[in-house]
Amino acid sequence: MDDSAWHIEDASLVLVEATLDAMAALGDLSVPRLRVLLAVDRHGPMNLRSLAGRLDMSLSAAGRVVDRLDTAGLLSRAPAAHSRREIRITTTPAGREVLERLRAARRQRIGQALEKLAPDDRTTLVRVLRRLTEAADS
């Protein structure tokens, strides 16, 4: 592979910094809590086993983070419709609001960088990033 991965990794650090800055501004949201909240919001509702598998966490570690996010009102747990033994984890309105504040701060920082690009470059970047996201998700 050419230097593409290095350049993309370098650009991704800008996004990581934007995320960490936004997390710091939000206050009490650790990286493990954010990972769980984002996973449930993006891929949920899900059960604890699916969540732990998606994030490569132990069931007990995932359970502790879910407990904390549930106590904070950012996630909720309820019996699944098809099985009372299975607990479905979902993002609460408060959890979605926290994530929207985080995303808004990231979009603002990304937008500032995008304003420095020519319109054709922005269009190309968006098209290619969509393809990269699809490739990473498959």
C-alpha atoms as a PDB file:
ATOM      1  CA  MET A   1       0.000   0.000   0.000  1.00  0.00           C
ATOM      2  CA  ASP A   2       1.192   3.518  -0.727  1.00  0.00           C
ATOM      3  CA  ASP A   3       1.245   6.374   1.768  1.00  0.00           C
ATOM      4  CA  SER A   4      -2.561   6.699   1.644  1.00  0.00           C
ATOM      5  CA  ALA A   5      -3.086   5.014   5.001  1.00  0.00           C
ATOM      6  CA  TRP A   6      -0.560   7.359   6.623  1.00  0.00           C
ATOM      7  CA  HIS A   7      -2.247  10.456   5.207  1.00  0.00           C
ATOM      8  CA  ILE A   8      -5.692   9.249   6.226  1.00  0.00           C
ATOM      9  CA  GLU A   9      -4.449   8.344   9.690  1.00  0.00           C
ATOM     10  CA  ASP A  10      -2.938  11.815  10.023  1.00  0.00           C
ATOM     11  CA  ALA A  11      -6.229  13.433   8.996  1.00  0.00           C
ATOM     12  CA  SER A  12      -8.138  11.163  11.376  1.00  0.00           C
ATOM     13  CA  LEU A  13      -6.079  12.516  14.267  1.00  0.00           C
ATOM     14  CA  VAL A  14      -7.668  15.901  13.636  1.00  0.00           C
ATOM     15  CA  LEU A  15     -11.064  14.227  14.104  1.00  0.00           C
ATOM     16  CA  VAL A  16      -9.880  12.404  17.221  1.00  0.00           C
ATOM     17  CA  GLU A  17      -8.650  15.692  18.686  1.00  0.00           C
ATOM     18  CA  ALA A  18     -11.991  17.311  17.861  1.00  0.00           C
ATOM     19  CA  THR A  19     -13.782  14.441  19.610  1.00  0.00           C
ATOM     20  CA  LEU A  20     -11.563  14.610  22.694  1.00  0.00           C
ATOM     21  CA  ASP A  21     -11.959  18.393  22.884  1.00  0.00           C
ATOM     22  CA  ALA A  22     -15.740  18.015  22.649  1.00  0.00           C
ATOM     23  CA  MET A  23     -15.672  15.302  25.327  1.00  0.00           C
ATOM     24  CA  ALA A  24     -13.685  17.572  27.624  1.00  0.00           C
ATOM     25  CA  ALA A  25     -16.224  20.336  27.098  1.00  0.00           C
ATOM     26  CA  LEU A  26     -19.072  17.944  27.965  1.00  0.00           C
ATOM     27  CA  GLY A  27     -17.409  16.986  31.218  1.00  0.00           C
ATOM     28  CA  ASP A  28     -18.020  13.538  32.709  1.00  0.00           C
ATOM     29  CA  LEU A  29     -17.899  11.343  29.570  1.00  0.00           C
ATOM     30  CA  SER A  30     -14.957   8.932  29.568  1.00  0.00           C
ATOM     31  CA  VAL A  31     -13.709   7.189  26.436  1.00  0.00           C
ATOM     32  CA  PRO A  32     -15.233   3.803  27.416  1.00  0.00           C
ATOM     33  CA  ARG A  33     -18.580   5.460  28.155  1.00  0.00           C
ATOM     34  CA  LEU A  34     -18.506   7.338  24.867  1.00  0.00           C
ATOM     35  CA  ARG A  35     -17.655   4.140  22.946  1.00  0.00           C
ATOM     36  CA  VAL A  36     -20.627   2.342  24.490  1.00  0.00           C
ATOM     37  CA  LEU A  37     -22.996   5.264  24.002  1.00  0.00           C
ATOM     38  CA  LEU A  38     -21.959   5.683  20.365  1.00  0.00           C
ATOM     39  CA  ALA A  39     -22.232   1.952  19.647  1.00  0.00           C
ATOM     40  CA  VAL A  40     -25.740   1.696  21.092  1.00  0.00           C
ATOM     41  CA  ASP A  41     -26.827   4.867  19.318  1.00  0.00           C
ATOM     42  CA  ARG A  42     -25.413   3.793  15.960  1.00  0.00           C
ATOM     43  CA  HIS A  43     -26.141   0.050  16.035  1.00  0.00           C
ATOM     44  CA  GLY A  44     -28.787  -0.392  18.739  1.00  0.00           C
ATOM     45  CA  PRO A  45     -30.968  -1.300  20.310  1.00  0.00           C
ATOM     46  CA  MET A  46     -28.891  -4.309  21.269  1.00  0.00           C
ATOM     47  CA  ASN A  47     -28.331  -6.769  24.059  1.00  0.00           C
ATOM     48  CA  LEU A  48     -25.288  -6.758  26.303  1.00  0.00           C
ATOM     49  CA  ARG A  49     -23.611  -9.687  24.543  1.00  0.00           C
ATOM     50  CA  SER A  50     -23.877  -7.955  21.143  1.00  0.00           C
ATOM     51  CA  LEU A  51     -22.561  -4.716  22.604  1.00  0.00           C
ATOM     52  CA  ALA A  52     -19.600  -6.413  24.298  1.00  0.00           C
ATOM     53  CA  GLY A  53     -18.778  -8.306  21.100  1.00  0.00           C
ATOM     54  CA  ARG A  54     -18.986  -5.201  18.934  1.00  0.00           C
ATOM     55  CA  LEU A  55     -16.586  -3.325  21.230  1.00  0.00           C
ATOM     56  CA  ASP A  56     -14.369  -6.329  22.046  1.00  0.00           C
ATOM     57  CA  MET A  57     -15.112  -5.940  25.753  1.00  0.00           C
ATOM     58  CA  SER A  58     -15.860  -8.539  28.385  1.00  0.00           C
ATOM     59  CA  LEU A  59     -19.512  -8.892  29.368  1.00  0.00           C
ATOM     60  CA  SER A  60     -18.723  -7.660  32.864  1.00  0.00           C
ATOM     61  CA  ALA A  61     -16.858  -4.570  31.631  1.00  0.00           C
ATOM     62  CA  ALA A  62     -19.633  -3.718  29.173  1.00  0.00           C
ATOM     63  CA  GLY A  63     -22.196  -4.288  31.911  1.00  0.00           C
ATOM     64  CA  ARG A  64     -20.429  -1.885  34.283  1.00  0.00           C
ATOM     65  CA  VAL A  65     -20.303   0.847  31.634  1.00  0.00           C
ATOM     66  CA  VAL A  66     -23.970   0.293  30.749  1.00  0.00           C
ATOM     67  CA  ASP A  67     -24.841   0.495  34.456  1.00  0.00           C
ATOM     68  CA  ARG A  68     -23.092   3.864  34.737  1.00  0.00           C
ATOM     69  CA  LEU A  69     -24.728   5.214  31.582  1.00  0.00           C
ATOM     70  CA  ASP A  70     -28.112   3.940  32.757  1.00  0.00           C
ATOM     71  CA  THR A  71     -27.637   5.651  36.134  1.00  0.00           C
ATOM     72  CA  ALA A  72     -26.681   8.855  34.288  1.00  0.00           C
ATOM     73  CA  GLY A  73     -29.876   8.582  32.224  1.00  0.00           C
ATOM     74  CA  LEU A  74     -28.033   8.239  28.906  1.00  0.00           C
ATOM     75  CA  LEU A  75     -28.983   4.601  28.207  1.00  0.00           C
ATOM     76  CA  SER A  76     -31.974   2.547  29.231  1.00  0.00           C
ATOM     77  CA  ARG A  77     -32.461  -1.171  29.700  1.00  0.00           C
ATOM     78  CA  ALA A  78     -35.715  -3.033  29.237  1.00  0.00           C
ATOM     79  CA  PRO A  79     -36.789  -6.622  28.585  1.00  0.00           C
ATOM     80  CA  ALA A  80     -36.794  -7.486  24.896  1.00  0.00           C
ATOM     81  CA  ALA A  81     -40.212  -7.969  23.304  1.00  0.00           C
ATOM     82  CA  HIS A  82     -39.371 -11.501  22.155  1.00  0.00           C
ATOM     83  CA  SER A  83     -37.735 -12.711  25.391  1.00  0.00           C
ATOM     84  CA  ARG A  84     -38.078 -11.502  28.966  1.00  0.00           C
ATOM     85  CA  ARG A  85     -34.636 -12.982  29.679  1.00  0.00           C
ATOM     86  CA  GLU A  86     -32.940 -10.700  27.157  1.00  0.00           C
ATOM     87  CA  ILE A  87     -32.362  -7.068  28.048  1.00  0.00           C
ATOM     88  CA  ARG A  88     -32.388  -4.527  25.232  1.00  0.00           C
ATOM     89  CA  ILE A  89     -30.164  -1.482  25.657  1.00  0.00           C
ATOM     90  CA  THR A  90     -31.236   1.738  23.982  1.00  0.00           C
ATOM     91  CA  THR A  91     -30.112   5.336  23.904  1.00  0.00           C
ATOM     92  CA  THR A  92     -32.350   7.708  25.850  1.00  0.00           C
ATOM     93  CA  PRO A  93     -33.332  11.177  24.634  1.00  0.00           C
ATOM     94  CA  ALA A  94     -30.759  12.580  27.091  1.00  0.00           C
ATOM     95  CA  GLY A  95     -28.101  10.278  25.613  1.00  0.00           C
ATOM     96  CA  ARG A  96     -28.958  11.380  22.080  1.00  0.00           C
ATOM     97  CA  GLU A  97     -28.782  15.024  23.217  1.00  0.00           C
ATOM     98  CA  VAL A  98     -25.283  14.494  24.660  1.00  0.00           C
ATOM     99  CA  LEU A  99     -24.176  12.853  21.420  1.00  0.00           C
ATOM    100  CA  GLU A 100     -25.697  15.660  19.362  1.00  0.00           C
ATOM    101  CA  ARG A 101     -23.759  18.248  21.393  1.00  0.00           C
ATOM    102  CA  LEU A 102     -20.589  16.227  20.826  1.00  0.00           C
ATOM    103  CA  ARG A 103     -21.294  15.906  17.100  1.00  0.00           C
ATOM    104  CA  ALA A 104     -22.145  19.607  16.797  1.00  0.00           C
ATOM    105  CA  ALA A 105     -18.789  20.562  18.311  1.00  0.00           C
ATOM    106  CA  ARG A 106     -17.022  18.161  15.934  1.00  0.00           C
ATOM    107  CA  ARG A 107     -18.953  19.453  12.910  1.00  0.00           C
ATOM    108  CA  GLN A 108     -18.045  23.024  13.798  1.00  0.00           C
ATOM    109  CA  ARG A 109     -14.345  22.191  13.910  1.00  0.00           C
ATOM    110  CA  ILE A 110     -14.551  20.111  10.718  1.00  0.00           C
ATOM    111  CA  GLY A 111     -16.515  22.873   9.026  1.00  0.00           C
ATOM    112  CA  GLN A 112     -13.804  25.394   9.837  1.00  0.00           C
ATOM    113  CA  ALA A 113     -11.252  23.187   8.104  1.00  0.00           C
ATOM    114  CA  LEU A 114     -13.543  22.506   5.143  1.00  0.00           C
ATOM    115  CA  GLU A 115     -14.016  26.238   4.557  1.00  0.00           C
ATOM    116  CA  LYS A 116     -10.329  26.395   3.684  1.00  0.00           C
ATOM    117  CA  LEU A 117     -10.777  23.891   0.833  1.00  0.00           C
ATOM    118  CA  ALA A 118     -11.901  24.661  -2.700  1.00  0.00           C
ATOM    119  CA  PRO A 119     -15.516  23.585  -3.390  1.00  0.00           C
ATOM    120  CA  ASP A 120     -14.419  20.863  -5.829  1.00  0.00           C
ATOM    121  CA  ASP A 121     -12.003  19.468  -3.242  1.00  0.00           C
ATOM    122  CA  ARG A 122     -14.790  19.382  -0.613  1.00  0.00           C
ATOM    123  CA  THR A 123     -17.075  17.534  -3.027  1.00  0.00           C
ATOM    124  CA  THR A 124     -14.378  14.993  -3.834  1.00  0.00           C
ATOM    125  CA  LEU A 125     -13.500  14.549  -0.176  1.00  0.00           C
ATOM    126  CA  VAL A 126     -17.117  13.872   0.786  1.00  0.00           C
ATOM    127  CA  ARG A 127     -17.562  11.359  -2.036  1.00  0.00           C
ATOM    128  CA  VAL A 128     -14.383   9.479  -1.136  1.00  0.00           C
ATOM    129  CA  LEU A 129     -15.096   9.522   2.605  1.00  0.00           C
ATOM    130  CA  ARG A 130     -18.530   8.009   1.960  1.00  0.00           C
ATOM    131  CA  ARG A 131     -16.846   5.172   0.072  1.00  0.00           C
ATOM    132  CA  LEU A 132     -14.269   4.737   2.824  1.00  0.00           C
ATOM    133  CA  THR A 133     -17.040   4.571   5.441  1.00  0.00           C
ATOM    134  CA  GLU A 134     -18.934   1.971   3.413  1.00  0.00           C
ATOM    135  CA  ALA A 135     -15.757  -0.090   3.010  1.00  0.00           C
ATOM    136  CA  ALA A 136     -14.989   0.107   6.725  1.00  0.00           C
ATOM    137  CA  ASP A 137     -18.566  -0.862   7.670  1.00  0.00           C
ATOM    138  CA  SER A 138     -18.704  -3.903   5.401  1.00  0.00           C
END
